[in-house]
mmCIF file of all heavy atoms, coordinates in Angstrom:
data_MODEL
# 
_entry.id   MODEL 
# 
loop_
_atom_site.group_PDB 
_atom_site.id 
_atom_site.type_symbol 
_atom_site.label_atom_id 
_atom_site.label_alt_id 
_atom_site.label_comp_id 
_atom_site.label_asym_id 
_atom_site.label_entity_id 
_atom_site.label_seq_id 
_atom_site.pdbx_PDB_ins_code 
_atom_site.Cartn_x 
_atom_site.Cartn_y 
_atom_site.Cartn_z 
_atom_site.occupancy 
_atom_site.B_iso_or_equiv 
_atom_site.pdbx_formal_charge 
_atom_site.auth_seq_id 
_atom_site.auth_comp_id 
_atom_site.auth_asym_id 
_atom_site.auth_atom_id 
_atom_site.pdbx_PDB_model_num 
ATOM 1   N N   . GLN A 1 1  ? 58.826 73.203  -38.536 1.00 0.00 ? 1  GLN A N   1 
ATOM 2   C CA  . GLN A 1 1  ? 57.969 72.002  -38.526 1.00 0.00 ? 1  GLN A CA  1 
ATOM 3   C C   . GLN A 1 1  ? 56.627 72.310  -39.066 1.00 0.00 ? 1  GLN A C   1 
ATOM 4   O O   . GLN A 1 1  ? 56.155 73.436  -39.069 1.00 0.00 ? 1  GLN A O   1 
ATOM 5   C CB  . GLN A 1 1  ? 57.911 71.491  -37.098 1.00 0.00 ? 1  GLN A CB  1 
ATOM 6   C CG  . GLN A 1 1  ? 59.171 70.867  -36.570 1.00 0.00 ? 1  GLN A CG  1 
ATOM 7   C CD  . GLN A 1 1  ? 58.970 70.225  -35.234 1.00 0.00 ? 1  GLN A CD  1 
ATOM 8   O OE1 . GLN A 1 1  ? 58.105 70.585  -34.429 1.00 0.00 ? 1  GLN A OE1 1 
ATOM 9   N NE2 . GLN A 1 1  ? 59.816 69.234  -34.917 1.00 0.00 ? 1  GLN A NE2 1 
ATOM 10  N N   . ALA A 1 2  ? 55.926 71.260  -39.579 1.00 0.00 ? 2  ALA A N   1 
ATOM 11  C CA  . ALA A 1 2  ? 54.602 71.422  -40.003 1.00 0.00 ? 2  ALA A CA  1 
ATOM 12  C C   . ALA A 1 2  ? 53.731 71.999  -38.941 1.00 0.00 ? 2  ALA A C   1 
ATOM 13  O O   . ALA A 1 2  ? 53.821 71.692  -37.746 1.00 0.00 ? 2  ALA A O   1 
ATOM 14  C CB  . ALA A 1 2  ? 53.981 70.083  -40.406 1.00 0.00 ? 2  ALA A CB  1 
ATOM 15  N N   . GLY A 1 3  ? 52.875 73.006  -39.364 1.00 0.00 ? 3  GLY A N   1 
ATOM 16  C CA  . GLY A 1 3  ? 52.030 73.695  -38.464 1.00 0.00 ? 3  GLY A CA  1 
ATOM 17  C C   . GLY A 1 3  ? 52.653 75.013  -37.928 1.00 0.00 ? 3  GLY A C   1 
ATOM 18  O O   . GLY A 1 3  ? 51.967 75.801  -37.337 1.00 0.00 ? 3  GLY A O   1 
ATOM 19  N N   . GLY A 1 4  ? 53.919 75.170  -38.208 1.00 0.00 ? 4  GLY A N   1 
ATOM 20  C CA  . GLY A 1 4  ? 54.635 76.337  -37.752 1.00 0.00 ? 4  GLY A CA  1 
ATOM 21  C C   . GLY A 1 4  ? 54.450 77.581  -38.657 1.00 0.00 ? 4  GLY A C   1 
ATOM 22  O O   . GLY A 1 4  ? 53.692 77.528  -39.617 1.00 0.00 ? 4  GLY A O   1 
ATOM 23  N N   . SER A 1 5  ? 55.212 78.606  -38.303 1.00 0.00 ? 5  SER A N   1 
ATOM 24  C CA  . SER A 1 5  ? 55.059 79.890  -39.020 1.00 0.00 ? 5  SER A CA  1 
ATOM 25  C C   . SER A 1 5  ? 56.401 80.484  -39.384 1.00 0.00 ? 5  SER A C   1 
ATOM 26  O O   . SER A 1 5  ? 57.402 80.183  -38.656 1.00 0.00 ? 5  SER A O   1 
ATOM 27  C CB  . SER A 1 5  ? 54.305 80.899  -38.160 1.00 0.00 ? 5  SER A CB  1 
ATOM 28  O OG  . SER A 1 5  ? 53.002 80.478  -37.884 1.00 0.00 ? 5  SER A OG  1 
ATOM 29  N N   . LEU A 1 6  ? 56.387 81.202  -40.448 1.00 0.00 ? 6  LEU A N   1 
ATOM 30  C CA  . LEU A 1 6  ? 57.549 82.057  -40.796 1.00 0.00 ? 6  LEU A CA  1 
ATOM 31  C C   . LEU A 1 6  ? 57.127 83.372  -41.419 1.00 0.00 ? 6  LEU A C   1 
ATOM 32  O O   . LEU A 1 6  ? 55.965 83.370  -41.941 1.00 0.00 ? 6  LEU A O   1 
ATOM 33  C CB  . LEU A 1 6  ? 58.408 81.328  -41.895 1.00 0.00 ? 6  LEU A CB  1 
ATOM 34  C CG  . LEU A 1 6  ? 59.285 80.129  -41.478 1.00 0.00 ? 6  LEU A CG  1 
ATOM 35  C CD1 . LEU A 1 6  ? 59.923 79.469  -42.741 1.00 0.00 ? 6  LEU A CD1 1 
ATOM 36  C CD2 . LEU A 1 6  ? 60.408 80.623  -40.527 1.00 0.00 ? 6  LEU A CD2 1 
ATOM 37  N N   . ARG A 1 7  ? 57.947 84.360  -41.317 1.00 0.00 ? 7  ARG A N   1 
ATOM 38  C CA  . ARG A 1 7  ? 57.697 85.620  -41.913 1.00 0.00 ? 7  ARG A CA  1 
ATOM 39  C C   . ARG A 1 7  ? 58.804 86.009  -42.828 1.00 0.00 ? 7  ARG A C   1 
ATOM 40  O O   . ARG A 1 7  ? 59.939 86.128  -42.440 1.00 0.00 ? 7  ARG A O   1 
ATOM 41  C CB  . ARG A 1 7  ? 57.506 86.681  -40.866 1.00 0.00 ? 7  ARG A CB  1 
ATOM 42  C CG  . ARG A 1 7  ? 56.966 88.022  -41.362 1.00 0.00 ? 7  ARG A CG  1 
ATOM 43  C CD  . ARG A 1 7  ? 57.140 89.122  -40.353 1.00 0.00 ? 7  ARG A CD  1 
ATOM 44  N NE  . ARG A 1 7  ? 56.322 90.270  -40.680 1.00 0.00 ? 7  ARG A NE  1 
ATOM 45  C CZ  . ARG A 1 7  ? 56.596 91.553  -40.186 1.00 0.00 ? 7  ARG A CZ  1 
ATOM 46  N NH1 . ARG A 1 7  ? 57.655 91.685  -39.453 1.00 0.00 ? 7  ARG A NH1 1 
ATOM 47  N NH2 . ARG A 1 7  ? 55.828 92.495  -40.510 1.00 0.00 ? 7  ARG A NH2 1 
ATOM 48  N N   . LEU A 1 8  ? 58.512 86.137  -44.095 1.00 0.00 ? 8  LEU A N   1 
ATOM 49  C CA  . LEU A 1 8  ? 59.436 86.566  -45.093 1.00 0.00 ? 8  LEU A CA  1 
ATOM 50  C C   . LEU A 1 8  ? 59.372 88.058  -45.243 1.00 0.00 ? 8  LEU A C   1 
ATOM 51  O O   . LEU A 1 8  ? 58.310 88.689  -45.188 1.00 0.00 ? 8  LEU A O   1 
ATOM 52  C CB  . LEU A 1 8  ? 59.212 85.865  -46.441 1.00 0.00 ? 8  LEU A CB  1 
ATOM 53  C CG  . LEU A 1 8  ? 59.143 84.350  -46.445 1.00 0.00 ? 8  LEU A CG  1 
ATOM 54  C CD1 . LEU A 1 8  ? 58.922 83.855  -47.927 1.00 0.00 ? 8  LEU A CD1 1 
ATOM 55  C CD2 . LEU A 1 8  ? 60.340 83.711  -45.803 1.00 0.00 ? 8  LEU A CD2 1 
ATOM 56  N N   . SER A 1 9  ? 60.533 88.658  -45.534 1.00 0.00 ? 9  SER A N   1 
ATOM 57  C CA  . SER A 1 9  ? 60.643 90.092  -45.819 1.00 0.00 ? 9  SER A CA  1 
ATOM 58  C C   . SER A 1 9  ? 61.313 90.298  -47.147 1.00 0.00 ? 9  SER A C   1 
ATOM 59  O O   . SER A 1 9  ? 62.219 89.516  -47.508 1.00 0.00 ? 9  SER A O   1 
ATOM 60  C CB  . SER A 1 9  ? 61.381 90.829  -44.718 1.00 0.00 ? 9  SER A CB  1 
ATOM 61  O OG  . SER A 1 9  ? 60.819 90.695  -43.494 1.00 0.00 ? 9  SER A OG  1 
ATOM 62  N N   . CYS A 1 10 ? 60.948 91.336  -47.804 1.00 0.00 ? 10 CYS A N   1 
ATOM 63  C CA  . CYS A 1 10 ? 61.566 91.704  -49.077 1.00 0.00 ? 10 CYS A CA  1 
ATOM 64  C C   . CYS A 1 10 ? 61.791 93.255  -48.998 1.00 0.00 ? 10 CYS A C   1 
ATOM 65  O O   . CYS A 1 10 ? 60.825 93.954  -49.093 1.00 0.00 ? 10 CYS A O   1 
ATOM 66  C CB  . CYS A 1 10 ? 60.732 91.265  -50.267 1.00 0.00 ? 10 CYS A CB  1 
ATOM 67  S SG  . CYS A 1 10 ? 61.319 91.867  -51.839 1.00 0.00 ? 10 CYS A SG  1 
ATOM 68  N N   . ALA A 1 11 ? 63.026 93.670  -49.038 1.00 0.00 ? 11 ALA A N   1 
ATOM 69  C CA  . ALA A 1 11 ? 63.351 95.056  -48.988 1.00 0.00 ? 11 ALA A CA  1 
ATOM 70  C C   . ALA A 1 11 ? 63.723 95.523  -50.414 1.00 0.00 ? 11 ALA A C   1 
ATOM 71  O O   . ALA A 1 11 ? 64.607 94.956  -51.030 1.00 0.00 ? 11 ALA A O   1 
ATOM 72  C CB  . ALA A 1 11 ? 64.502 95.337  -47.959 1.00 0.00 ? 11 ALA A CB  1 
ATOM 73  N N   . ALA A 1 12 ? 63.075 96.543  -50.892 1.00 0.00 ? 12 ALA A N   1 
ATOM 74  C CA  . ALA A 1 12 ? 63.357 97.098  -52.225 1.00 0.00 ? 12 ALA A CA  1 
ATOM 75  C C   . ALA A 1 12 ? 64.159 98.353  -52.082 1.00 0.00 ? 12 ALA A C   1 
ATOM 76  O O   . ALA A 1 12 ? 63.964 99.132  -51.146 1.00 0.00 ? 12 ALA A O   1 
ATOM 77  C CB  . ALA A 1 12 ? 62.085 97.380  -52.895 1.00 0.00 ? 12 ALA A CB  1 
ATOM 78  N N   . SER A 1 13 ? 65.061 98.537  -53.000 1.00 0.00 ? 13 SER A N   1 
ATOM 79  C CA  . SER A 1 13 ? 65.821 99.767  -53.061 1.00 0.00 ? 13 SER A CA  1 
ATOM 80  C C   . SER A 1 13 ? 66.059 100.180 -54.509 1.00 0.00 ? 13 SER A C   1 
ATOM 81  O O   . SER A 1 13 ? 65.746 99.411  -55.425 1.00 0.00 ? 13 SER A O   1 
ATOM 82  C CB  . SER A 1 13 ? 67.255 99.562  -52.358 1.00 0.00 ? 13 SER A CB  1 
ATOM 83  O OG  . SER A 1 13 ? 67.976 98.607  -52.999 1.00 0.00 ? 13 SER A OG  1 
ATOM 84  N N   . GLY A 1 14 ? 66.520 101.390 -54.683 1.00 0.00 ? 14 GLY A N   1 
ATOM 85  C CA  . GLY A 1 14 ? 66.661 101.932 -56.024 1.00 0.00 ? 14 GLY A CA  1 
ATOM 86  C C   . GLY A 1 14 ? 65.439 102.748 -56.413 1.00 0.00 ? 14 GLY A C   1 
ATOM 87  O O   . GLY A 1 14 ? 64.990 103.557 -55.578 1.00 0.00 ? 14 GLY A O   1 
ATOM 88  N N   . ASN A 1 15 ? 64.890 102.542 -57.582 1.00 0.00 ? 15 ASN A N   1 
ATOM 89  C CA  . ASN A 1 15 ? 63.853 103.365 -58.101 1.00 0.00 ? 15 ASN A CA  1 
ATOM 90  C C   . ASN A 1 15 ? 62.487 102.851 -57.630 1.00 0.00 ? 15 ASN A C   1 
ATOM 91  O O   . ASN A 1 15 ? 61.684 102.410 -58.392 1.00 0.00 ? 15 ASN A O   1 
ATOM 92  C CB  . ASN A 1 15 ? 63.906 103.410 -59.641 1.00 0.00 ? 15 ASN A CB  1 
ATOM 93  C CG  . ASN A 1 15 ? 63.158 104.547 -60.194 1.00 0.00 ? 15 ASN A CG  1 
ATOM 94  O OD1 . ASN A 1 15 ? 62.604 105.417 -59.519 1.00 0.00 ? 15 ASN A OD1 1 
ATOM 95  N ND2 . ASN A 1 15 ? 63.102 104.635 -61.541 1.00 0.00 ? 15 ASN A ND2 1 
ATOM 96  N N   . THR A 1 16 ? 62.276 102.933 -56.251 1.00 0.00 ? 16 THR A N   1 
ATOM 97  C CA  . THR A 1 16 ? 61.081 102.294 -55.719 1.00 0.00 ? 16 THR A CA  1 
ATOM 98  C C   . THR A 1 16 ? 59.812 103.025 -56.042 1.00 0.00 ? 16 THR A C   1 
ATOM 99  O O   . THR A 1 16 ? 58.703 102.488 -55.981 1.00 0.00 ? 16 THR A O   1 
ATOM 100 C CB  . THR A 1 16 ? 61.253 102.201 -54.171 1.00 0.00 ? 16 THR A CB  1 
ATOM 101 O OG1 . THR A 1 16 ? 61.469 103.479 -53.670 1.00 0.00 ? 16 THR A OG1 1 
ATOM 102 C CG2 . THR A 1 16 ? 62.415 101.282 -53.842 1.00 0.00 ? 16 THR A CG2 1 
ATOM 103 N N   . LEU A 1 17 ? 59.873 104.311 -56.463 1.00 0.00 ? 17 LEU A N   1 
ATOM 104 C CA  . LEU A 1 17 ? 58.650 105.067 -56.811 1.00 0.00 ? 17 LEU A CA  1 
ATOM 105 C C   . LEU A 1 17 ? 57.982 104.463 -58.057 1.00 0.00 ? 17 LEU A C   1 
ATOM 106 O O   . LEU A 1 17 ? 56.831 104.790 -58.336 1.00 0.00 ? 17 LEU A O   1 
ATOM 107 C CB  . LEU A 1 17 ? 58.999 106.495 -56.991 1.00 0.00 ? 17 LEU A CB  1 
ATOM 108 C CG  . LEU A 1 17 ? 59.405 107.259 -55.726 1.00 0.00 ? 17 LEU A CG  1 
ATOM 109 C CD1 . LEU A 1 17 ? 59.774 108.706 -56.098 1.00 0.00 ? 17 LEU A CD1 1 
ATOM 110 C CD2 . LEU A 1 17 ? 58.349 107.198 -54.678 1.00 0.00 ? 17 LEU A CD2 1 
ATOM 111 N N   . THR A 1 18 ? 58.739 103.666 -58.810 1.00 0.00 ? 18 THR A N   1 
ATOM 112 C CA  . THR A 1 18 ? 58.176 103.119 -60.006 1.00 0.00 ? 18 THR A CA  1 
ATOM 113 C C   . THR A 1 18 ? 57.454 101.778 -59.800 1.00 0.00 ? 18 THR A C   1 
ATOM 114 O O   . THR A 1 18 ? 56.924 101.197 -60.701 1.00 0.00 ? 18 THR A O   1 
ATOM 115 C CB  . THR A 1 18 ? 59.328 102.903 -61.061 1.00 0.00 ? 18 THR A CB  1 
ATOM 116 O OG1 . THR A 1 18 ? 60.175 101.852 -60.551 1.00 0.00 ? 18 THR A OG1 1 
ATOM 117 C CG2 . THR A 1 18 ? 60.106 104.117 -61.352 1.00 0.00 ? 18 THR A CG2 1 
ATOM 118 N N   . ILE A 1 19 ? 57.466 101.337 -58.549 1.00 0.00 ? 19 ILE A N   1 
ATOM 119 C CA  . ILE A 1 19 ? 56.842 99.971  -58.250 1.00 0.00 ? 19 ILE A CA  1 
ATOM 120 C C   . ILE A 1 19 ? 55.367 100.089 -58.252 1.00 0.00 ? 19 ILE A C   1 
ATOM 121 O O   . ILE A 1 19 ? 54.758 100.895 -57.501 1.00 0.00 ? 19 ILE A O   1 
ATOM 122 C CB  . ILE A 1 19 ? 57.398 99.455  -56.911 1.00 0.00 ? 19 ILE A CB  1 
ATOM 123 C CG1 . ILE A 1 19 ? 58.895 99.194  -56.990 1.00 0.00 ? 19 ILE A CG1 1 
ATOM 124 C CG2 . ILE A 1 19 ? 56.617 98.121  -56.568 1.00 0.00 ? 19 ILE A CG2 1 
ATOM 125 C CD1 . ILE A 1 19 ? 59.512 98.776  -55.628 1.00 0.00 ? 19 ILE A CD1 1 
ATOM 126 N N   . ASN A 1 20 ? 54.695 99.212  -59.002 1.00 0.00 ? 20 ASN A N   1 
ATOM 127 C CA  . ASN A 1 20 ? 53.266 99.113  -59.033 1.00 0.00 ? 20 ASN A CA  1 
ATOM 128 C C   . ASN A 1 20 ? 52.746 97.939  -58.194 1.00 0.00 ? 20 ASN A C   1 
ATOM 129 O O   . ASN A 1 20 ? 51.813 98.102  -57.379 1.00 0.00 ? 20 ASN A O   1 
ATOM 130 C CB  . ASN A 1 20 ? 52.725 98.919  -60.449 1.00 0.00 ? 20 ASN A CB  1 
ATOM 131 C CG  . ASN A 1 20 ? 51.294 98.875  -60.535 1.00 0.00 ? 20 ASN A CG  1 
ATOM 132 O OD1 . ASN A 1 20 ? 50.561 99.382  -59.746 1.00 0.00 ? 20 ASN A OD1 1 
ATOM 133 N ND2 . ASN A 1 20 ? 50.802 98.177  -61.586 1.00 0.00 ? 20 ASN A ND2 1 
ATOM 134 N N   . VAL A 1 21 ? 53.359 96.778  -58.391 1.00 0.00 ? 21 VAL A N   1 
ATOM 135 C CA  . VAL A 1 21 ? 52.957 95.572  -57.726 1.00 0.00 ? 21 VAL A CA  1 
ATOM 136 C C   . VAL A 1 21 ? 54.165 94.882  -57.036 1.00 0.00 ? 21 VAL A C   1 
ATOM 137 O O   . VAL A 1 21 ? 55.224 94.766  -57.656 1.00 0.00 ? 21 VAL A O   1 
ATOM 138 C CB  . VAL A 1 21 ? 52.277 94.576  -58.727 1.00 0.00 ? 21 VAL A CB  1 
ATOM 139 C CG1 . VAL A 1 21 ? 51.799 93.318  -58.016 1.00 0.00 ? 21 VAL A CG1 1 
ATOM 140 C CG2 . VAL A 1 21 ? 51.243 95.241  -59.521 1.00 0.00 ? 21 VAL A CG2 1 
ATOM 141 N N   . PHE A 1 22 ? 53.906 94.473  -55.843 1.00 0.00 ? 22 PHE A N   1 
ATOM 142 C CA  . PHE A 1 22 ? 54.826 93.548  -55.149 1.00 0.00 ? 22 PHE A CA  1 
ATOM 143 C C   . PHE A 1 22 ? 54.262 92.167  -55.215 1.00 0.00 ? 22 PHE A C   1 
ATOM 144 O O   . PHE A 1 22 ? 53.019 92.001  -54.996 1.00 0.00 ? 22 PHE A O   1 
ATOM 145 C CB  . PHE A 1 22 ? 55.020 93.927  -53.672 1.00 0.00 ? 22 PHE A CB  1 
ATOM 146 C CG  . PHE A 1 22 ? 56.085 94.902  -53.334 1.00 0.00 ? 22 PHE A CG  1 
ATOM 147 C CD1 . PHE A 1 22 ? 55.782 96.230  -53.093 1.00 0.00 ? 22 PHE A CD1 1 
ATOM 148 C CD2 . PHE A 1 22 ? 57.448 94.505  -53.302 1.00 0.00 ? 22 PHE A CD2 1 
ATOM 149 C CE1 . PHE A 1 22 ? 56.757 97.124  -52.765 1.00 0.00 ? 22 PHE A CE1 1 
ATOM 150 C CE2 . PHE A 1 22 ? 58.436 95.398  -53.006 1.00 0.00 ? 22 PHE A CE2 1 
ATOM 151 C CZ  . PHE A 1 22 ? 58.115 96.757  -52.696 1.00 0.00 ? 22 PHE A CZ  1 
ATOM 152 N N   . GLY A 1 23 ? 55.066 91.153  -55.389 1.00 0.00 ? 23 GLY A N   1 
ATOM 153 C CA  . GLY A 1 23 ? 54.586 89.819  -55.345 1.00 0.00 ? 23 GLY A CA  1 
ATOM 154 C C   . GLY A 1 23 ? 55.498 88.845  -54.747 1.00 0.00 ? 23 GLY A C   1 
ATOM 155 O O   . GLY A 1 23 ? 56.772 89.080  -54.656 1.00 0.00 ? 23 GLY A O   1 
ATOM 156 N N   . TRP A 1 24 ? 54.930 87.724  -54.267 1.00 0.00 ? 24 TRP A N   1 
ATOM 157 C CA  . TRP A 1 24 ? 55.740 86.616  -53.777 1.00 0.00 ? 24 TRP A CA  1 
ATOM 158 C C   . TRP A 1 24 ? 55.448 85.409  -54.691 1.00 0.00 ? 24 TRP A C   1 
ATOM 159 O O   . TRP A 1 24 ? 54.242 85.128  -54.930 1.00 0.00 ? 24 TRP A O   1 
ATOM 160 C CB  . TRP A 1 24 ? 55.431 86.296  -52.336 1.00 0.00 ? 24 TRP A CB  1 
ATOM 161 C CG  . TRP A 1 24 ? 56.022 87.208  -51.318 1.00 0.00 ? 24 TRP A CG  1 
ATOM 162 C CD1 . TRP A 1 24 ? 55.427 88.250  -50.693 1.00 0.00 ? 24 TRP A CD1 1 
ATOM 163 C CD2 . TRP A 1 24 ? 57.360 87.157  -50.829 1.00 0.00 ? 24 TRP A CD2 1 
ATOM 164 N NE1 . TRP A 1 24 ? 56.290 88.841  -49.832 1.00 0.00 ? 24 TRP A NE1 1 
ATOM 165 C CE2 . TRP A 1 24 ? 57.556 88.236  -49.906 1.00 0.00 ? 24 TRP A CE2 1 
ATOM 166 C CE3 . TRP A 1 24 ? 58.475 86.364  -51.109 1.00 0.00 ? 24 TRP A CE3 1 
ATOM 167 C CZ2 . TRP A 1 24 ? 58.723 88.483  -49.226 1.00 0.00 ? 24 TRP A CZ2 1 
ATOM 168 C CZ3 . TRP A 1 24 ? 59.677 86.618  -50.436 1.00 0.00 ? 24 TRP A CZ3 1 
ATOM 169 C CH2 . TRP A 1 24 ? 59.788 87.664  -49.505 1.00 0.00 ? 24 TRP A CH2 1 
# 
């Protein structure tokens, strides 16, 4: 409902050492 909250998660796998930026 309006005014409420949610928490999104994003799990990365594979060649994660190459990640520079995470974005939504």
